[in-house]
Amino acid sequence: MTELMSSGIELMFAGMGIVFLFLTMLVFVINMMSGLILRYFPEEPALSMSVPVAVNSSSDTSYIAAITAAVHQYRSTH
């Protein structure tokens, strides 16, 4: 029985070691691929469109007032 337990423990440590090595290699490969992609395909800066937006101040103020009242009521009850 002792021999079976020692064989089981050896097998357990071997399996855990293999999984640990695989996960370590996986993290290394993912970081390497991320570096390569960022190096050869850099992100392009976002284009900012300066388009004037028509603002209806009366409806915006009513929305802001409603949101402010809702936040105040939530904070007072919680």
PDB file of N, CA and C in Angstrom:
ATOM      1  N   MET A   1       0.813  -1.182   0.000  1.00  0.00           N
ATOM      2  CA  MET A   1       0.000   0.000   0.000  1.00  0.00           C
ATOM      3  C   MET A   1       0.867   1.261   0.000  1.00  0.00           C
ATOM      4  N   THR A   2       1.970   1.251   0.705  1.00  0.00           N
ATOM      5  CA  THR A   2       2.860   2.398   0.765  1.00  0.00           C
ATOM      6  C   THR A   2       3.466   2.681  -0.598  1.00  0.00           C
ATOM      7  N   GLU A   3       3.770   1.617  -1.335  1.00  0.00           N
ATOM      8  CA  GLU A   3       4.346   1.780  -2.666  1.00  0.00           C
ATOM      9  C   GLU A   3       3.355   2.443  -3.605  1.00  0.00           C
ATOM     10  N   LEU A   4       2.065   2.095  -3.478  1.00  0.00           N
ATOM     11  CA  LEU A   4       1.043   2.724  -4.312  1.00  0.00           C
ATOM     12  C   LEU A   4       0.891   4.211  -3.982  1.00  0.00           C
ATOM     13  N   MET A   5       0.963   4.545  -2.701  1.00  0.00           N
ATOM     14  CA  MET A   5       0.848   5.947  -2.301  1.00  0.00           C
ATOM     15  C   MET A   5       2.032   6.767  -2.826  1.00  0.00           C
ATOM     16  N   SER A   6       3.233   6.229  -2.709  1.00  0.00           N
ATOM     17  CA  SER A   6       4.404   6.961  -3.199  1.00  0.00           C
ATOM     18  C   SER A   6       4.356   7.107  -4.716  1.00  0.00           C
ATOM     19  N   SER A   7       3.873   6.095  -5.419  1.00  0.00           N
ATOM     20  CA  SER A   7       3.731   6.202  -6.875  1.00  0.00           C
ATOM     21  C   SER A   7       2.683   7.257  -7.230  1.00  0.00           C
ATOM     22  N   GLY A   8       1.604   7.295  -6.460  1.00  0.00           N
ATOM     23  CA  GLY A   8       0.568   8.296  -6.707  1.00  0.00           C
ATOM     24  C   GLY A   8       1.064   9.699  -6.459  1.00  0.00           C
ATOM     25  N   ILE A   9       1.833   9.876  -5.386  1.00  0.00           N
ATOM     26  CA  ILE A   9       2.369  11.206  -5.084  1.00  0.00           C
ATOM     27  C   ILE A   9       3.372  11.641  -6.146  1.00  0.00           C
ATOM     28  N   GLU A  10       4.227  10.715  -6.604  1.00  0.00           N
ATOM     29  CA  GLU A  10       5.162  11.045  -7.682  1.00  0.00           C
ATOM     30  C   GLU A  10       4.424  11.443  -8.946  1.00  0.00           C
ATOM     31  N   LEU A  11       3.372  10.702  -9.266  1.00  0.00           N
ATOM     32  CA  LEU A  11       2.585  11.003 -10.463  1.00  0.00           C
ATOM     33  C   LEU A  11       1.893  12.363 -10.322  1.00  0.00           C
ATOM     34  N   MET A  12       1.409  12.669  -9.116  1.00  0.00           N
ATOM     35  CA  MET A  12       0.756  13.947  -8.873  1.00  0.00           C
ATOM     36  C   MET A  12       1.743  15.100  -9.078  1.00  0.00           C
ATOM     37  N   PHE A  13       2.942  14.986  -8.511  1.00  0.00           N
ATOM     38  CA  PHE A  13       3.933  16.049  -8.665  1.00  0.00           C
ATOM     39  C   PHE A  13       4.402  16.174 -10.114  1.00  0.00           C
ATOM     40  N   ALA A  14       4.515  15.065 -10.812  1.00  0.00           N
ATOM     41  CA  ALA A  14       4.905  15.125 -12.223  1.00  0.00           C
ATOM     42  C   ALA A  14       3.830  15.851 -13.036  1.00  0.00           C
ATOM     43  N   GLY A  15       2.564  15.530 -12.777  1.00  0.00           N
ATOM     44  CA  GLY A  15       1.468  16.184 -13.496  1.00  0.00           C
ATOM     45  C   GLY A  15       1.395  17.666 -13.188  1.00  0.00           C
ATOM     46  N   MET A  16       1.547  18.015 -11.901  1.00  0.00           N
ATOM     47  CA  MET A  16       1.506  19.429 -11.532  1.00  0.00           C
ATOM     48  C   MET A  16       2.686  20.179 -12.133  1.00  0.00           C
ATOM     49  N   GLY A  17       3.844  19.551 -12.210  1.00  0.00           N
ATOM     50  CA  GLY A  17       5.008  20.186 -12.818  1.00  0.00           C
ATOM     51  C   GLY A  17       4.807  20.430 -14.302  1.00  0.00           C
ATOM     52  N   ILE A  18       4.226  19.445 -14.986  1.00  0.00           N
ATOM     53  CA  ILE A  18       3.976  19.595 -16.424  1.00  0.00           C
ATOM     54  C   ILE A  18       2.975  20.730 -16.673  1.00  0.00           C
ATOM     55  N   VAL A  19       1.917  20.785 -15.868  1.00  0.00           N
ATOM     56  CA  VAL A  19       0.923  21.854 -16.027  1.00  0.00           C
ATOM     57  C   VAL A  19       1.558  23.212 -15.744  1.00  0.00           C
ATOM     58  N   PHE A  20       2.380  23.300 -14.704  1.00  0.00           N
ATOM     59  CA  PHE A  20       3.037  24.564 -14.376  1.00  0.00           C
ATOM     60  C   PHE A  20       3.949  25.003 -15.515  1.00  0.00           C
ATOM     61  N   LEU A  21       4.739  24.088 -16.069  1.00  0.00           N
ATOM     62  CA  LEU A  21       5.621  24.442 -17.183  1.00  0.00           C
ATOM     63  C   LEU A  21       4.822  24.883 -18.402  1.00  0.00           C
ATOM     64  N   PHE A  22       3.722  24.183 -18.690  1.00  0.00           N
ATOM     65  CA  PHE A  22       2.901  24.554 -19.835  1.00  0.00           C
ATOM     66  C   PHE A  22       2.312  25.948 -19.662  1.00  0.00           C
ATOM     67  N   LEU A  23       1.779  26.250 -18.478  1.00  0.00           N
ATOM     68  CA  LEU A  23       1.192  27.571 -18.252  1.00  0.00           C
ATOM     69  C   LEU A  23       2.246  28.669 -18.295  1.00  0.00           C
ATOM     70  N   THR A  24       3.444  28.385 -17.785  1.00  0.00           N
ATOM     71  CA  THR A  24       4.526  29.366 -17.848  1.00  0.00           C
ATOM     72  C   THR A  24       4.913  29.643 -19.303  1.00  0.00           C
ATOM     73  N   MET A  25       5.034  28.603 -20.093  1.00  0.00           N
ATOM     74  CA  MET A  25       5.350  28.783 -21.513  1.00  0.00           C
ATOM     75  C   MET A  25       4.228  29.531 -22.225  1.00  0.00           C
ATOM     76  N   LEU A  26       2.977  29.255 -21.856  1.00  0.00           N
ATOM     77  CA  LEU A  26       1.843  29.917 -22.479  1.00  0.00           C
ATOM     78  C   LEU A  26       1.873  31.422 -22.204  1.00  0.00           C
ATOM     79  N   VAL A  27       2.164  31.809 -20.967  1.00  0.00           N
ATOM     80  CA  VAL A  27       2.252  33.235 -20.630  1.00  0.00           C
ATOM     81  C   VAL A  27       3.385  33.887 -21.416  1.00  0.00           C
ATOM     82  N   PHE A  28       4.530  33.224 -21.511  1.00  0.00           N
ATOM     83  CA  PHE A  28       5.664  33.767 -22.258  1.00  0.00           C
ATOM     84  C   PHE A  28       5.315  33.955 -23.735  1.00  0.00           C
ATOM     85  N   VAL A  29       4.685  32.974 -24.332  1.00  0.00           N
ATOM     86  CA  VAL A  29       4.345  33.048 -25.763  1.00  0.00           C
ATOM     87  C   VAL A  29       3.301  34.136 -26.012  1.00  0.00           C
ATOM     88  N   ILE A  30       2.318  34.262 -25.124  1.00  0.00           N
ATOM     89  CA  ILE A  30       1.297  35.299 -25.310  1.00  0.00           C
ATOM     90  C   ILE A  30       1.919  36.688 -25.195  1.00  0.00           C
ATOM     91  N   ASN A  31       2.803  36.884 -24.227  1.00  0.00           N
ATOM     92  CA  ASN A  31       3.479  38.180 -24.100  1.00  0.00           C
ATOM     93  C   ASN A  31       4.348  38.471 -25.309  1.00  0.00           C
ATOM     94  N   MET A  32       5.027  37.465 -25.832  1.00  0.00           N
ATOM     95  CA  MET A  32       5.869  37.647 -27.010  1.00  0.00           C
ATOM     96  C   MET A  32       5.012  38.006 -28.226  1.00  0.00           C
ATOM     97  N   MET A  33       3.894  37.314 -28.406  1.00  0.00           N
ATOM     98  CA  MET A  33       3.010  37.609 -29.540  1.00  0.00           C
ATOM     99  C   MET A  33       2.419  39.009 -29.418  1.00  0.00           C
ATOM    100  N   SER A  34       2.065  39.411 -28.209  1.00  0.00           N
ATOM    101  CA  SER A  34       1.529  40.757 -28.000  1.00  0.00           C
ATOM    102  C   SER A  34       2.574  41.806 -28.363  1.00  0.00           C
ATOM    103  N   GLY A  35       3.812  41.582 -27.962  1.00  0.00           N
ATOM    104  CA  GLY A  35       4.885  42.514 -28.306  1.00  0.00           C
ATOM    105  C   GLY A  35       5.113  42.604 -29.803  1.00  0.00           C
ATOM    106  N   LEU A  36       5.078  41.461 -30.478  1.00  0.00           N
ATOM    107  CA  LEU A  36       5.268  41.466 -31.930  1.00  0.00           C
ATOM    108  C   LEU A  36       4.136  42.186 -32.637  1.00  0.00           C
ATOM    109  N   ILE A  37       2.911  41.956 -32.194  1.00  0.00           N
ATOM    110  CA  ILE A  37       1.773  42.604 -32.841  1.00  0.00           C
ATOM    111  C   ILE A  37       1.833  44.108 -32.627  1.00  0.00           C
ATOM    112  N   LEU A  38       2.168  44.542 -31.415  1.00  0.00           N
ATOM    113  CA  LEU A  38       2.259  45.979 -31.166  1.00  0.00           C
ATOM    114  C   LEU A  38       3.424  46.609 -31.911  1.00  0.00           C
ATOM    115  N   ARG A  39       4.469  45.834 -32.156  1.00  0.00           N
ATOM    116  CA  ARG A  39       5.628  46.380 -32.858  1.00  0.00           C
ATOM    117  C   ARG A  39       5.352  46.542 -34.345  1.00  0.00           C
ATOM    118  N   TYR A  40       4.729  45.535 -34.974  1.00  0.00           N
ATOM    119  CA  TYR A  40       4.530  45.576 -36.416  1.00  0.00           C
ATOM    120  C   TYR A  40       3.175  46.160 -36.834  1.00  0.00           C
ATOM    121  N   PHE A  41       2.225  46.182 -35.928  1.00  0.00           N
ATOM    122  CA  PHE A  41       0.910  46.749 -36.219  1.00  0.00           C
ATOM    123  C   PHE A  41       0.514  47.706 -35.094  1.00  0.00           C
ATOM    124  N   PRO A  42       1.165  48.870 -35.028  1.00  0.00           N
ATOM    125  CA  PRO A  42       0.854  49.803 -33.935  1.00  0.00           C
ATOM    126  C   PRO A  42      -0.565  50.351 -34.086  1.00  0.00           C
ATOM    127  N   GLU A  43      -1.136  50.739 -32.956  1.00  0.00           N
ATOM    128  CA  GLU A  43      -2.475  51.313 -32.987  1.00  0.00           C
ATOM    129  C   GLU A  43      -2.417  52.699 -33.606  1.00  0.00           C
ATOM    130  N   GLU A  44      -3.355  52.952 -34.473  1.00  0.00           N
ATOM    131  CA  GLU A  44      -3.428  54.259 -35.097  1.00  0.00           C
ATOM    132  C   GLU A  44      -4.171  55.202 -34.164  1.00  0.00           C
ATOM    133  N   PRO A  45      -3.749  56.460 -34.107  1.00  0.00           N
ATOM    134  CA  PRO A  45      -4.460  57.400 -33.234  1.00  0.00           C
ATOM    135  C   PRO A  45      -5.887  57.609 -33.725  1.00  0.00           C
ATOM    136  N   ALA A  46      -6.784  57.755 -32.776  1.00  0.00           N
ATOM    137  CA  ALA A  46      -8.190  57.955 -33.120  1.00  0.00           C
ATOM    138  C   ALA A  46      -8.365  59.330 -33.753  1.00  0.00           C
ATOM    139  N   LEU A  47      -9.145  59.362 -34.797  1.00  0.00           N
ATOM    140  CA  LEU A  47      -9.425  60.625 -35.468  1.00  0.00           C
ATOM    141  C   LEU A  47     -10.499  61.357 -34.692  1.00  0.00           C
ATOM    142  N   SER A  48     -10.222  62.581 -34.344  1.00  0.00           N
ATOM    143  CA  SER A  48     -11.218  63.361 -33.624  1.00  0.00           C
ATOM    144  C   SER A  48     -11.965  64.229 -34.621  1.00  0.00           C
ATOM    145  N   MET A  49     -13.220  64.013 -34.698  1.00  0.00           N
ATOM    146  CA  MET A  49     -14.055  64.790 -35.600  1.00  0.00           C
ATOM    147  C   MET A  49     -14.601  65.985 -34.838  1.00  0.00           C
ATOM    148  N   SER A  50     -14.248  67.151 -35.283  1.00  0.00           N
ATOM    149  CA  SER A  50     -14.734  68.371 -34.639  1.00  0.00           C
ATOM    150  C   SER A  50     -15.989  68.842 -35.350  1.00  0.00           C
ATOM    151  N   VAL A  51     -17.056  68.114 -35.137  1.00  0.00           N
ATOM    152  CA  VAL A  51     -18.325  68.468 -35.757  1.00  0.00           C
ATOM    153  C   VAL A  51     -19.171  69.166 -34.713  1.00  0.00           C
ATOM    154  N   PRO A  52     -19.634  70.352 -35.011  1.00  0.00           N
ATOM    155  CA  PRO A  52     -20.474  71.049 -34.035  1.00  0.00           C
ATOM    156  C   PRO A  52     -21.790  70.299 -33.843  1.00  0.00           C
ATOM    157  N   VAL A  53     -22.174  70.181 -32.608  1.00  0.00           N
ATOM    158  CA  VAL A  53     -23.406  69.473 -32.275  1.00  0.00           C
ATOM    159  C   VAL A  53     -24.405  70.491 -31.769  1.00  0.00           C
ATOM    160  N   ALA A  54     -25.592  70.418 -32.316  1.00  0.00           N
ATOM    161  CA  ALA A  54     -26.645  71.328 -31.879  1.00  0.00           C
ATOM    162  C   ALA A  54     -27.123  70.893 -30.507  1.00  0.00           C
ATOM    163  N   VAL A  55     -27.118  71.839 -29.576  1.00  0.00           N
ATOM    164  CA  VAL A  55     -27.489  71.525 -28.206  1.00  0.00           C
ATOM    165  C   VAL A  55     -28.759  72.287 -27.864  1.00  0.00           C
ATOM    166  N   ASN A  56     -29.735  71.533 -27.408  1.00  0.00           N
ATOM    167  CA  ASN A  56     -30.966  72.151 -26.940  1.00  0.00           C
ATOM    168  C   ASN A  56     -30.838  72.278 -25.438  1.00  0.00           C
ATOM    169  N   SER A  57     -30.578  73.476 -24.962  1.00  0.00           N
ATOM    170  CA  SER A  57     -30.236  73.672 -23.556  1.00  0.00           C
ATOM    171  C   SER A  57     -31.406  73.394 -22.629  1.00  0.00           C
ATOM    172  N   SER A  58     -32.629  73.631 -23.050  1.00  0.00           N
ATOM    173  CA  SER A  58     -33.769  73.419 -22.150  1.00  0.00           C
ATOM    174  C   SER A  58     -33.979  71.932 -21.873  1.00  0.00           C
ATOM    175  N   SER A  59     -33.833  71.087 -22.906  1.00  0.00           N
ATOM    176  CA  SER A  59     -34.013  69.648 -22.680  1.00  0.00           C
ATOM    177  C   SER A  59     -32.815  69.077 -21.927  1.00  0.00           C
ATOM    178  N   ASP A  60     -31.606  69.602 -22.177  1.00  0.00           N
ATOM    179  CA  ASP A  60     -30.426  69.125 -21.457  1.00  0.00           C
ATOM    180  C   ASP A  60     -30.517  69.449 -19.976  1.00  0.00           C
ATOM    181  N   THR A  61     -30.976  70.629 -19.655  1.00  0.00           N
ATOM    182  CA  THR A  61     -31.069  70.991 -18.240  1.00  0.00           C
ATOM    183  C   THR A  61     -32.114  70.138 -17.527  1.00  0.00           C
ATOM    184  N   SER A  62     -33.187  69.781 -18.220  1.00  0.00           N
ATOM    185  CA  SER A  62     -34.194  68.937 -17.575  1.00  0.00           C
ATOM    186  C   SER A  62     -33.645  67.531 -17.352  1.00  0.00           C
ATOM    187  N   TYR A  63     -32.857  67.031 -18.304  1.00  0.00           N
ATOM    188  CA  TYR A  63     -32.225  65.713 -18.114  1.00  0.00           C
ATOM    189  C   TYR A  63     -31.230  65.752 -16.958  1.00  0.00           C
ATOM    190  N   ILE A  64     -30.436  66.794 -16.905  1.00  0.00           N
ATOM    191  CA  ILE A  64     -29.445  66.929 -15.831  1.00  0.00           C
ATOM    192  C   ILE A  64     -30.137  67.033 -14.482  1.00  0.00           C
ATOM    193  N   ALA A  65     -31.243  67.783 -14.415  1.00  0.00           N
ATOM    194  CA  ALA A  65     -31.979  67.917 -13.167  1.00  0.00           C
ATOM    195  C   ALA A  65     -32.575  66.581 -12.740  1.00  0.00           C
ATOM    196  N   ALA A  66     -33.102  65.812 -13.681  1.00  0.00           N
ATOM    197  CA  ALA A  66     -33.688  64.508 -13.356  1.00  0.00           C
ATOM    198  C   ALA A  66     -32.621  63.539 -12.875  1.00  0.00           C
ATOM    199  N   ILE A  67     -31.487  63.539 -13.526  1.00  0.00           N
ATOM    200  CA  ILE A  67     -30.393  62.636 -13.128  1.00  0.00           C
ATOM    201  C   ILE A  67     -29.854  63.040 -11.765  1.00  0.00           C
ATOM    202  N   THR A  68     -29.700  64.330 -11.537  1.00  0.00           N
ATOM    203  CA  THR A  68     -29.206  64.800 -10.243  1.00  0.00           C
ATOM    204  C   THR A  68     -30.167  64.427  -9.123  1.00  0.00           C
ATOM    205  N   ALA A  69     -31.467  64.573  -9.359  1.00  0.00           N
ATOM    206  CA  ALA A  69     -32.460  64.210  -8.347  1.00  0.00           C
ATOM    207  C   ALA A  69     -32.432  62.713  -8.068  1.00  0.00           C
ATOM    208  N   ALA A  70     -32.283  61.893  -9.111  1.00  0.00           N
ATOM    209  CA  ALA A  70     -32.236  60.446  -8.922  1.00  0.00           C
ATOM    210  C   ALA A  70     -31.002  60.031  -8.136  1.00  0.00           C
ATOM    211  N   VAL A  71     -29.850  60.636  -8.438  1.00  0.00           N
ATOM    212  CA  VAL A  71     -28.619  60.315  -7.713  1.00  0.00           C
ATOM    213  C   VAL A  71     -28.736  60.744  -6.257  1.00  0.00           C
ATOM    214  N   HIS A  72     -29.312  61.925  -6.019  1.00  0.00           N
ATOM    215  CA  HIS A  72     -29.473  62.408  -4.643  1.00  0.00           C
ATOM    216  C   HIS A  72     -30.403  61.487  -3.849  1.00  0.00           C
ATOM    217  N   GLN A  73     -31.506  61.057  -4.468  1.00  0.00           N
ATOM    218  CA  GLN A  73     -32.440  60.169  -3.783  1.00  0.00           C
ATOM    219  C   GLN A  73     -31.784  58.819  -3.501  1.00  0.00           C
ATOM    220  N   TYR A  74     -31.026  58.284  -4.445  1.00  0.00           N
ATOM    221  CA  TYR A  74     -30.347  57.002  -4.232  1.00  0.00           C
ATOM    222  C   TYR A  74     -29.345  57.099  -3.093  1.00  0.00           C
ATOM    223  N   ARG A  75     -28.569  58.170  -3.085  1.00  0.00           N
ATOM    224  CA  ARG A  75     -27.540  58.323  -2.038  1.00  0.00           C
ATOM    225  C   ARG A  75     -28.159  58.547  -0.664  1.00  0.00           C
ATOM    226  N   SER A  76     -29.310  59.191  -0.600  1.00  0.00           N
ATOM    227  CA  SER A  76     -29.931  59.437   0.691  1.00  0.00           C
ATOM    228  C   SER A  76     -30.536  58.164   1.270  1.00  0.00           C
ATOM    229  N   THR A  77     -30.951  57.224   0.427  1.00  0.00           N
ATOM    230  CA  THR A  77     -31.550  55.972   0.923  1.00  0.00           C
ATOM    231  C   THR A  77     -30.530  54.878   1.154  1.00  0.00           C
ATOM    232  N   HIS A  78     -29.371  54.970   0.553  1.00  0.00           N
ATOM    233  CA  HIS A  78     -28.383  53.890   0.713  1.00  0.00           C
ATOM    234  C   HIS A  78     -27.204  54.361   1.471  1.00  0.00           C
TER     235      HIS A  78
END
